[in-house]
């Protein structure tokens, strides 16, 4: 990991590029007609900077913050709106998301992860759940995303650092996320960058290794 961070910094510490999601915008509007105005107003291209601004902005509702993260997370994948309608159709979802947001805002992302794990939203797994945590948590604190690419990379290239911890990224596991959070922050401190920078560098390398058809390839 250290060599990847050194290379990233030597190349100018480039952020992740935004991407054009306009081809799927109507699908999101159709799925969430009551949020048409908000969805229409989302930027395209959209990137991490824009999503973070929404999640940490005072004028947006908790559902709007969540939708912004899901739009970014699913990108132009057509099944995204359908899956998110399933998530948001559950009666407890707004209260759960609000509690998670409040914990993240208060720089308690580990507790937010644990709460979300214990108060499940059906169809929301750790991959997209940690995306929501990431954008709701102050950058200096960090709540790194743990999705399939990151999980596979950790298994193949950092398993020794996670000795005794199950690296099953598909299931909620507080011990795993706690160790991952610590590991990312250790590298962030060593290289004087933010935790989400470490996660981004890791993610980029994982995509080079595991994916030939990603919207983030070469970005």
C-alpha atoms as a PDB file:
ATOM      1  CA  UNK A   1       0.000   0.000   0.000  1.00  0.00           C
ATOM      2  CA  UNK A   2       2.829   2.374   0.815  1.00  0.00           C
ATOM      3  CA  UNK A   3       4.250   2.166  -2.709  1.00  0.00           C
ATOM      4  CA  UNK A   4       0.855   2.978  -4.205  1.00  0.00           C
ATOM      5  CA  UNK A   5       0.440   6.031  -1.986  1.00  0.00           C
ATOM      6  CA  UNK A   6       3.958   7.240  -2.806  1.00  0.00           C
ATOM      7  CA  UNK A   7       3.218   6.950  -6.514  1.00  0.00           C
ATOM      8  CA  UNK A   8      -0.127   8.740  -6.142  1.00  0.00           C
ATOM      9  CA  UNK A   9       1.482  11.623  -4.299  1.00  0.00           C
ATOM     10  CA  UNK A  10       4.359  11.818  -6.793  1.00  0.00           C
ATOM     11  CA  UNK A  11       1.801  12.118  -9.605  1.00  0.00           C
ATOM     12  CA  UNK A  12       0.050  15.036  -7.942  1.00  0.00           C
ATOM     13  CA  UNK A  13      -2.453  13.331  -5.599  1.00  0.00           C
ATOM     14  CA  UNK A  14      -5.149  13.338  -8.256  1.00  0.00           C
ATOM     15  CA  UNK A  15      -8.741  12.969  -7.030  1.00  0.00           C
ATOM     16  CA  UNK A  16     -11.217  10.554  -8.560  1.00  0.00           C
ATOM     17  CA  UNK A  17     -12.844  12.012 -11.640  1.00  0.00           C
ATOM     18  CA  UNK A  18     -16.563  12.673 -11.844  1.00  0.00           C
ATOM     19  CA  UNK A  19     -18.675  10.702 -14.312  1.00  0.00           C
ATOM     20  CA  UNK A  20     -21.664  11.364 -16.520  1.00  0.00           C
ATOM     21  CA  UNK A  21     -24.800   9.651 -15.250  1.00  0.00           C
ATOM     22  CA  UNK A  22     -27.297  11.549 -17.416  1.00  0.00           C
ATOM     23  CA  UNK A  23     -28.289   8.389 -19.306  1.00  0.00           C
ATOM     24  CA  UNK A  24     -29.837   6.953 -16.135  1.00  0.00           C
ATOM     25  CA  UNK A  25     -31.296  10.168 -14.683  1.00  0.00           C
ATOM     26  CA  UNK A  26     -34.817   9.528 -15.960  1.00  0.00           C
ATOM     27  CA  UNK A  27     -34.805   6.075 -14.360  1.00  0.00           C
ATOM     28  CA  UNK A  28     -34.125   7.673 -10.981  1.00  0.00           C
ATOM     29  CA  UNK A  29     -36.831  10.276 -11.538  1.00  0.00           C
ATOM     30  CA  UNK A  30     -39.333   7.577 -12.486  1.00  0.00           C
ATOM     31  CA  UNK A  31     -38.440   5.573  -9.371  1.00  0.00           C
ATOM     32  CA  UNK A  32     -38.651   8.588  -7.054  1.00  0.00           C
ATOM     33  CA  UNK A  33     -41.159  11.056  -8.553  1.00  0.00           C
ATOM     34  CA  UNK A  34     -41.593  12.924  -5.261  1.00  0.00           C
ATOM     35  CA  UNK A  35     -37.883  13.743  -5.400  1.00  0.00           C
ATOM     36  CA  UNK A  36     -37.892  14.795  -9.045  1.00  0.00           C
ATOM     37  CA  UNK A  37     -36.692  18.315  -8.323  1.00  0.00           C
ATOM     38  CA  UNK A  38     -33.763  17.111  -6.245  1.00  0.00           C
ATOM     39  CA  UNK A  39     -32.704  14.410  -8.708  1.00  0.00           C
ATOM     40  CA  UNK A  40     -33.012  16.780 -11.666  1.00  0.00           C
ATOM     41  CA  UNK A  41     -30.768  19.231  -9.867  1.00  0.00           C
ATOM     42  CA  UNK A  42     -27.977  16.747  -9.180  1.00  0.00           C
ATOM     43  CA  UNK A  43     -24.864  17.583 -11.179  1.00  0.00           C
ATOM     44  CA  UNK A  44     -23.747  15.541 -14.135  1.00  0.00           C
ATOM     45  CA  UNK A  45     -20.967  14.664 -14.129  1.00  0.00           C
ATOM     46  CA  UNK A  46     -21.103  13.798 -10.442  1.00  0.00           C
ATOM     47  CA  UNK A  47     -18.175  12.921  -8.227  1.00  0.00           C
ATOM     48  CA  UNK A  48     -17.072  12.493  -4.649  1.00  0.00           C
ATOM     49  CA  UNK A  49     -16.747  16.223  -4.051  1.00  0.00           C
ATOM     50  CA  UNK A  50     -20.310  16.926  -5.129  1.00  0.00           C
ATOM     51  CA  UNK A  51     -21.794  14.049  -3.118  1.00  0.00           C
ATOM     52  CA  UNK A  52     -19.880  15.035   0.005  1.00  0.00           C
ATOM     53  CA  UNK A  53     -21.129  18.612  -0.298  1.00  0.00           C
ATOM     54  CA  UNK A  54     -24.721  17.361  -0.407  1.00  0.00           C
ATOM     55  CA  UNK A  55     -24.292  14.941   2.497  1.00  0.00           C
ATOM     56  CA  UNK A  56     -22.733  17.592   4.694  1.00  0.00           C
ATOM     57  CA  UNK A  57     -24.996  20.410   3.595  1.00  0.00           C
ATOM     58  CA  UNK A  58     -27.777  21.606   5.943  1.00  0.00           C
ATOM     59  CA  UNK A  59     -30.500  22.131   3.348  1.00  0.00           C
ATOM     60  CA  UNK A  60     -30.936  18.525   2.245  1.00  0.00           C
ATOM     61  CA  UNK A  61     -33.132  15.873   3.844  1.00  0.00           C
ATOM     62  CA  UNK A  62     -31.704  12.560   4.979  1.00  0.00           C
ATOM     63  CA  UNK A  63     -33.416  10.797   2.075  1.00  0.00           C
ATOM     64  CA  UNK A  64     -31.923  13.258  -0.413  1.00  0.00           C
ATOM     65  CA  UNK A  65     -28.466  12.709   1.048  1.00  0.00           C
ATOM     66  CA  UNK A  66     -28.938   8.956   0.735  1.00  0.00           C
ATOM     67  CA  UNK A  67     -30.211   9.248  -2.837  1.00  0.00           C
ATOM     68  CA  UNK A  68     -27.167  11.320  -3.836  1.00  0.00           C
ATOM     69  CA  UNK A  69     -24.852   8.601  -2.513  1.00  0.00           C
ATOM     70  CA  UNK A  70     -26.805   5.861  -4.272  1.00  0.00           C
ATOM     71  CA  UNK A  71     -26.817   7.748  -7.590  1.00  0.00           C
ATOM     72  CA  UNK A  72     -23.040   8.090  -7.346  1.00  0.00           C
ATOM     73  CA  UNK A  73     -22.611   4.513  -6.175  1.00  0.00           C
ATOM     74  CA  UNK A  74     -24.762   2.824  -8.800  1.00  0.00           C
ATOM     75  CA  UNK A  75     -23.751   5.176 -11.588  1.00  0.00           C
ATOM     76  CA  UNK A  76     -25.317   4.220 -14.891  1.00  0.00           C
ATOM     77  CA  UNK A  77     -26.215   0.691 -13.805  1.00  0.00           C
ATOM     78  CA  UNK A  78     -29.884   0.300 -14.655  1.00  0.00           C
ATOM     79  CA  UNK A  79     -30.849  -1.773 -11.636  1.00  0.00           C
ATOM     80  CA  UNK A  80     -29.814   0.918  -9.147  1.00  0.00           C
ATOM     81  CA  UNK A  81     -33.139   2.786  -8.892  1.00  0.00           C
ATOM     82  CA  UNK A  82     -35.100  -0.438  -8.389  1.00  0.00           C
ATOM     83  CA  UNK A  83     -32.833  -1.627  -5.586  1.00  0.00           C
ATOM     84  CA  UNK A  84     -32.981   1.714  -3.837  1.00  0.00           C
ATOM     85  CA  UNK A  85     -36.803   1.780  -3.998  1.00  0.00           C
ATOM     86  CA  UNK A  86     -36.704  -1.516  -2.087  1.00  0.00           C
ATOM     87  CA  UNK A  87     -34.439   0.025   0.530  1.00  0.00           C
ATOM     88  CA  UNK A  88     -36.505   3.160   0.996  1.00  0.00           C
ATOM     89  CA  UNK A  89     -39.864   1.359   1.092  1.00  0.00           C
ATOM     90  CA  UNK A  90     -39.169   0.055   4.603  1.00  0.00           C
ATOM     91  CA  UNK A  91     -40.944   1.896   7.440  1.00  0.00           C
ATOM     92  CA  UNK A  92     -37.879   2.255   9.677  1.00  0.00           C
ATOM     93  CA  UNK A  93     -35.444   3.415   7.017  1.00  0.00           C
ATOM     94  CA  UNK A  94     -35.585   7.175   7.588  1.00  0.00           C
ATOM     95  CA  UNK A  95     -34.974   6.869  11.333  1.00  0.00           C
ATOM     96  CA  UNK A  96     -32.100   4.445  10.782  1.00  0.00           C
ATOM     97  CA  UNK A  97     -30.437   6.650   8.182  1.00  0.00           C
ATOM     98  CA  UNK A  98     -30.836   9.719  10.390  1.00  0.00           C
ATOM     99  CA  UNK A  99     -29.176   7.989  13.343  1.00  0.00           C
ATOM    100  CA  UNK A 100     -26.354   6.765  11.125  1.00  0.00           C
ATOM    101  CA  UNK A 101     -25.890  10.266   9.756  1.00  0.00           C
ATOM    102  CA  UNK A 102     -25.852  11.822  13.232  1.00  0.00           C
ATOM    103  CA  UNK A 103     -23.193   9.377  14.423  1.00  0.00           C
ATOM    104  CA  UNK A 104     -21.055  10.035  11.350  1.00  0.00           C
ATOM    105  CA  UNK A 105     -21.437  13.790  11.677  1.00  0.00           C
ATOM    106  CA  UNK A 106     -20.242  13.467  15.277  1.00  0.00           C
ATOM    107  CA  UNK A 107     -17.088  11.657  14.069  1.00  0.00           C
ATOM    108  CA  UNK A 108     -18.258   8.233  15.260  1.00  0.00           C
ATOM    109  CA  UNK A 109     -18.211   6.171  12.055  1.00  0.00           C
ATOM    110  CA  UNK A 110     -17.444   2.883  13.786  1.00  0.00           C
ATOM    111  CA  UNK A 111     -20.534   3.294  15.944  1.00  0.00           C
ATOM    112  CA  UNK A 112     -22.502   4.238  12.831  1.00  0.00           C
ATOM    113  CA  UNK A 113     -21.390   1.022  11.133  1.00  0.00           C
ATOM    114  CA  UNK A 114     -22.372  -1.016  14.194  1.00  0.00           C
ATOM    115  CA  UNK A 115     -25.769   0.662  14.398  1.00  0.00           C
ATOM    116  CA  UNK A 116     -26.460   0.019  10.724  1.00  0.00           C
ATOM    117  CA  UNK A 117     -25.350  -3.584  11.138  1.00  0.00           C
ATOM    118  CA  UNK A 118     -27.734  -4.045  14.065  1.00  0.00           C
ATOM    119  CA  UNK A 119     -30.617  -2.161  12.433  1.00  0.00           C
ATOM    120  CA  UNK A 120     -30.532  -3.601   8.950  1.00  0.00           C
ATOM    121  CA  UNK A 121     -32.083  -1.996   5.924  1.00  0.00           C
ATOM    122  CA  UNK A 122     -32.986  -4.843   3.603  1.00  0.00           C
ATOM    123  CA  UNK A 123     -31.027  -4.780   0.312  1.00  0.00           C
ATOM    124  CA  UNK A 124     -28.441  -2.382   1.770  1.00  0.00           C
ATOM    125  CA  UNK A 125     -25.225  -4.318   2.260  1.00  0.00           C
ATOM    126  CA  UNK A 126     -21.863  -3.120   3.581  1.00  0.00           C
ATOM    127  CA  UNK A 127     -20.641  -2.075   0.131  1.00  0.00           C
ATOM    128  CA  UNK A 128     -23.266   0.643  -0.268  1.00  0.00           C
ATOM    129  CA  UNK A 129     -23.776   1.117   3.450  1.00  0.00           C
ATOM    130  CA  UNK A 130     -20.160   2.191   3.873  1.00  0.00           C
ATOM    131  CA  UNK A 131     -20.533   4.542   0.934  1.00  0.00           C
ATOM    132  CA  UNK A 132     -23.191   6.402   2.899  1.00  0.00           C
ATOM    133  CA  UNK A 133     -20.978   6.422   5.996  1.00  0.00           C
ATOM    134  CA  UNK A 134     -18.053   7.725   3.979  1.00  0.00           C
ATOM    135  CA  UNK A 135     -19.765  10.837   2.671  1.00  0.00           C
ATOM    136  CA  UNK A 136     -21.454  11.680   5.978  1.00  0.00           C
ATOM    137  CA  UNK A 137     -18.236  11.532   8.015  1.00  0.00           C
ATOM    138  CA  UNK A 138     -15.755  14.452   8.182  1.00  0.00           C
ATOM    139  CA  UNK A 139     -12.868  13.853   5.784  1.00  0.00           C
ATOM    140  CA  UNK A 140     -10.192  14.096   8.469  1.00  0.00           C
ATOM    141  CA  UNK A 141     -11.911  11.353  10.480  1.00  0.00           C
ATOM    142  CA  UNK A 142     -12.802   9.119   7.571  1.00  0.00           C
ATOM    143  CA  UNK A 143     -15.145   6.197   7.050  1.00  0.00           C
ATOM    144  CA  UNK A 144     -13.521   4.318   4.170  1.00  0.00           C
ATOM    145  CA  UNK A 145     -15.713   2.437   1.729  1.00  0.00           C
ATOM    146  CA  UNK A 146     -15.424  -1.343   1.935  1.00  0.00           C
ATOM    147  CA  UNK A 147     -16.825  -2.755  -1.285  1.00  0.00           C
ATOM    148  CA  UNK A 148     -16.058  -5.864  -3.313  1.00  0.00           C
ATOM    149  CA  UNK A 149     -13.022  -4.428  -5.115  1.00  0.00           C
ATOM    150  CA  UNK A 150     -11.470  -3.193  -1.887  1.00  0.00           C
ATOM    151  CA  UNK A 151     -12.277  -6.458  -0.112  1.00  0.00           C
ATOM    152  CA  UNK A 152     -10.674  -8.587  -2.815  1.00  0.00           C
ATOM    153  CA  UNK A 153      -7.576  -6.385  -2.821  1.00  0.00           C
ATOM    154  CA  UNK A 154      -7.183  -6.671   0.934  1.00  0.00           C
ATOM    155  CA  UNK A 155      -7.470 -10.459   0.740  1.00  0.00           C
ATOM    156  CA  UNK A 156      -4.851 -10.726  -1.976  1.00  0.00           C
ATOM    157  CA  UNK A 157      -2.374  -8.029  -0.971  1.00  0.00           C
ATOM    158  CA  UNK A 158      -2.820  -7.186   2.716  1.00  0.00           C
ATOM    159  CA  UNK A 159      -3.974 -10.392   4.375  1.00  0.00           C
ATOM    160  CA  UNK A 160      -1.058 -10.356   6.855  1.00  0.00           C
ATOM    161  CA  UNK A 161      -2.237  -7.008   8.188  1.00  0.00           C
ATOM    162  CA  UNK A 162      -5.644  -8.525   8.883  1.00  0.00           C
ATOM    163  CA  UNK A 163      -4.494 -11.694  10.620  1.00  0.00           C
ATOM    164  CA  UNK A 164      -7.314 -13.027  12.784  1.00  0.00           C
ATOM    165  CA  UNK A 165      -9.943 -10.912  11.021  1.00  0.00           C
ATOM    166  CA  UNK A 166     -12.383 -12.370   8.503  1.00  0.00           C
ATOM    167  CA  UNK A 167     -12.056 -10.448   5.250  1.00  0.00           C
ATOM    168  CA  UNK A 168     -15.569 -11.274   4.072  1.00  0.00           C
ATOM    169  CA  UNK A 169     -16.589  -7.980   2.504  1.00  0.00           C
ATOM    170  CA  UNK A 170     -20.049  -9.246   1.523  1.00  0.00           C
ATOM    171  CA  UNK A 171     -21.314  -9.555   5.103  1.00  0.00           C
ATOM    172  CA  UNK A 172     -21.632  -7.020   7.895  1.00  0.00           C
ATOM    173  CA  UNK A 173     -18.772  -7.561  10.338  1.00  0.00           C
ATOM    174  CA  UNK A 174     -17.923  -4.941  12.942  1.00  0.00           C
ATOM    175  CA  UNK A 175     -14.533  -6.457  13.766  1.00  0.00           C
ATOM    176  CA  UNK A 176     -13.540  -6.426  10.102  1.00  0.00           C
ATOM    177  CA  UNK A 177     -14.607  -2.833   9.541  1.00  0.00           C
ATOM    178  CA  UNK A 178     -12.941  -1.670  12.746  1.00  0.00           C
ATOM    179  CA  UNK A 179      -9.612  -3.183  11.673  1.00  0.00           C
ATOM    180  CA  UNK A 180     -10.027  -1.794   8.163  1.00  0.00           C
ATOM    181  CA  UNK A 181     -10.768   1.687   9.552  1.00  0.00           C
ATOM    182  CA  UNK A 182      -7.671   1.506  11.758  1.00  0.00           C
ATOM    183  CA  UNK A 183      -5.523   0.222   8.878  1.00  0.00           C
ATOM    184  CA  UNK A 184      -6.622   2.995   6.540  1.00  0.00           C
ATOM    185  CA  UNK A 185      -6.078   5.675   9.166  1.00  0.00           C
ATOM    186  CA  UNK A 186      -2.623   4.346   9.959  1.00  0.00           C
ATOM    187  CA  UNK A 187      -1.658   4.817   6.310  1.00  0.00           C
ATOM    188  CA  UNK A 188      -3.358   8.219   6.140  1.00  0.00           C
ATOM    189  CA  UNK A 189      -1.325   9.453   9.087  1.00  0.00           C
ATOM    190  CA  UNK A 190       1.895   8.034   7.654  1.00  0.00           C
ATOM    191  CA  UNK A 191       1.373   9.865   4.350  1.00  0.00           C
ATOM    192  CA  UNK A 192      -0.298  13.021   5.694  1.00  0.00           C
ATOM    193  CA  UNK A 193      -3.454  12.530   3.676  1.00  0.00           C
ATOM    194  CA  UNK A 194      -7.114  11.878   4.381  1.00  0.00           C
ATOM    195  CA  UNK A 195      -8.440   8.359   4.990  1.00  0.00           C
ATOM    196  CA  UNK A 196     -10.645   8.500   1.906  1.00  0.00           C
ATOM    197  CA  UNK A 197      -7.525   9.239  -0.151  1.00  0.00           C
ATOM    198  CA  UNK A 198      -6.063   5.932   0.995  1.00  0.00           C
ATOM    199  CA  UNK A 199      -9.280   4.122   0.098  1.00  0.00           C
ATOM    200  CA  UNK A 200      -9.356   5.790  -3.329  1.00  0.00           C
ATOM    201  CA  UNK A 201      -5.774   4.777  -4.130  1.00  0.00           C
ATOM    202  CA  UNK A 202      -6.535   1.228  -3.022  1.00  0.00           C
ATOM    203  CA  UNK A 203      -9.750   1.178  -5.072  1.00  0.00           C
ATOM    204  CA  UNK A 204      -8.002   2.391  -8.224  1.00  0.00           C
ATOM    205  CA  UNK A 205      -5.408  -0.330  -7.982  1.00  0.00           C
ATOM    206  CA  UNK A 206      -8.084  -2.943  -7.269  1.00  0.00           C
ATOM    207  CA  UNK A 207      -9.933  -1.988 -10.436  1.00  0.00           C
ATOM    208  CA  UNK A 208      -6.785  -2.361 -12.485  1.00  0.00           C
ATOM    209  CA  UNK A 209      -6.378  -5.848 -11.082  1.00  0.00           C
ATOM    210  CA  UNK A 210      -9.962  -7.080 -11.095  1.00  0.00           C
ATOM    211  CA  UNK A 211     -11.997  -5.116 -13.625  1.00  0.00           C
ATOM    212  CA  UNK A 212     -11.712  -4.413 -17.331  1.00  0.00           C
ATOM    213  CA  UNK A 213     -15.125  -2.777 -17.673  1.00  0.00           C
ATOM    214  CA  UNK A 214     -15.508  -0.230 -14.923  1.00  0.00           C
ATOM    215  CA  UNK A 215     -16.671   3.361 -15.254  1.00  0.00           C
ATOM    216  CA  UNK A 216     -13.717   4.267 -13.057  1.00  0.00           C
ATOM    217  CA  UNK A 217     -11.079   2.482 -15.137  1.00  0.00           C
ATOM    218  CA  UNK A 218      -8.014   4.666 -15.694  1.00  0.00           C
ATOM    219  CA  UNK A 219      -9.459   7.374 -13.448  1.00  0.00           C
END
